[in-house]
Amino acid sequence: MKKYLLNSPQSEVPGIDSLFAEMILDKALLTFRKEQLEQKIDQSLRDRNKEEFLRLTEELNQIRKDHEEKDVTV
């Protein structure tokens, strides 16, 4: 006999919950990495470190470009 909990979503597709959790984790890690880079970019500006600024902005732009191509709006 199946037990049903009130207000508990039941997954009809095996593995969908773990896929969803992985997507959330990936998004959180991406957001964290972009925030880290932005802080380091700000610091490089304060330090007037042009080389570091250029390196970090290139990395941030590449991350944005890579994930912009993957984002699909429905």
Protein backbone atom coordinates (compact mmCIF):
# COMPACT_ATOMS: atom_id res chain seq x y z
CA MET A 1 0.00 0.00 0.00
CA LYS A 2 1.38 3.40 -0.99
CA LYS A 3 1.74 6.09 1.63
CA TYR A 4 1.00 9.66 0.56
CA LEU A 5 2.16 12.65 2.54
CA LEU A 6 0.13 15.82 2.42
CA ASN A 7 1.74 18.57 0.35
CA SER A 8 4.60 16.27 -0.66
CA PRO A 9 5.41 16.37 -4.38
CA GLN A 10 5.63 12.94 -5.92
CA SER A 11 8.12 12.55 -8.75
CA GLU A 12 6.70 10.60 -11.67
CA VAL A 13 10.03 10.39 -13.52
CA PRO A 14 12.90 8.49 -11.89
CA GLY A 15 15.94 10.69 -11.37
CA ILE A 16 14.17 13.99 -12.04
CA ASP A 17 14.71 15.13 -8.44
CA SER A 18 18.46 14.54 -8.62
CA LEU A 19 18.65 16.30 -12.00
CA PHE A 20 16.78 19.27 -10.57
CA ALA A 21 19.08 19.36 -7.52
CA GLU A 22 22.13 19.24 -9.81
CA MET A 23 20.79 22.15 -11.86
CA ILE A 24 20.25 24.23 -8.72
CA LEU A 25 23.74 23.42 -7.45
CA ASP A 26 25.32 24.30 -10.81
CA LYS A 27 23.50 27.64 -10.84
CA ALA A 28 24.59 28.41 -7.27
CA LEU A 29 28.22 27.60 -8.05
CA LEU A 30 28.13 29.73 -11.19
CA THR A 31 26.67 32.66 -9.29
CA PHE A 32 29.29 32.27 -6.56
CA ARG A 33 32.16 32.17 -9.09
CA LYS A 34 30.88 35.27 -10.92
CA GLU A 35 30.56 37.17 -7.63
CA GLN A 36 34.12 36.16 -6.69
CA LEU A 37 35.44 37.42 -10.01
CA GLU A 38 33.53 40.69 -9.71
CA GLN A 39 35.04 41.29 -6.26
CA LYS A 40 38.53 40.53 -7.56
CA ILE A 41 37.95 42.83 -10.52
CA ASP A 42 36.94 45.61 -8.15
CA GLN A 43 40.08 44.99 -6.10
CA SER A 44 42.29 45.05 -9.20
CA LEU A 45 40.78 48.44 -10.10
CA ARG A 46 41.49 49.78 -6.61
CA ASP A 47 45.05 48.43 -6.87
CA ARG A 48 45.39 49.82 -10.41
CA ASN A 49 46.54 46.39 -11.54
CA LYS A 50 45.81 46.44 -15.26
CA GLU A 51 47.10 42.94 -16.01
CA GLU A 52 45.01 41.35 -13.28
CA PHE A 53 41.97 43.39 -14.32
CA LEU A 54 42.28 42.26 -17.94
CA ARG A 55 42.78 38.61 -16.96
CA LEU A 56 39.80 38.58 -14.60
CA THR A 57 37.45 40.43 -16.94
CA GLU A 58 38.36 38.02 -19.74
CA GLU A 59 37.54 35.09 -17.47
CA LEU A 60 34.23 36.64 -16.40
CA ASN A 61 33.29 37.46 -19.99
CA GLN A 62 34.06 33.88 -21.06
CA ILE A 63 31.88 32.46 -18.27
CA ARG A 64 29.05 34.79 -19.27
CA LYS A 65 29.43 33.85 -22.93
CA ASP A 66 29.54 30.11 -22.21
CA HIS A 67 26.42 30.17 -20.07
CA GLU A 68 24.53 32.63 -22.23
CA GLU A 69 24.63 30.07 -25.05
CA LYS A 70 23.26 27.35 -22.75
CA ASP A 71 20.40 29.41 -21.31
CA VAL A 72 17.16 28.65 -23.08
CA THR A 73 14.08 30.75 -22.51
CA VAL A 74 10.79 28.99 -23.04
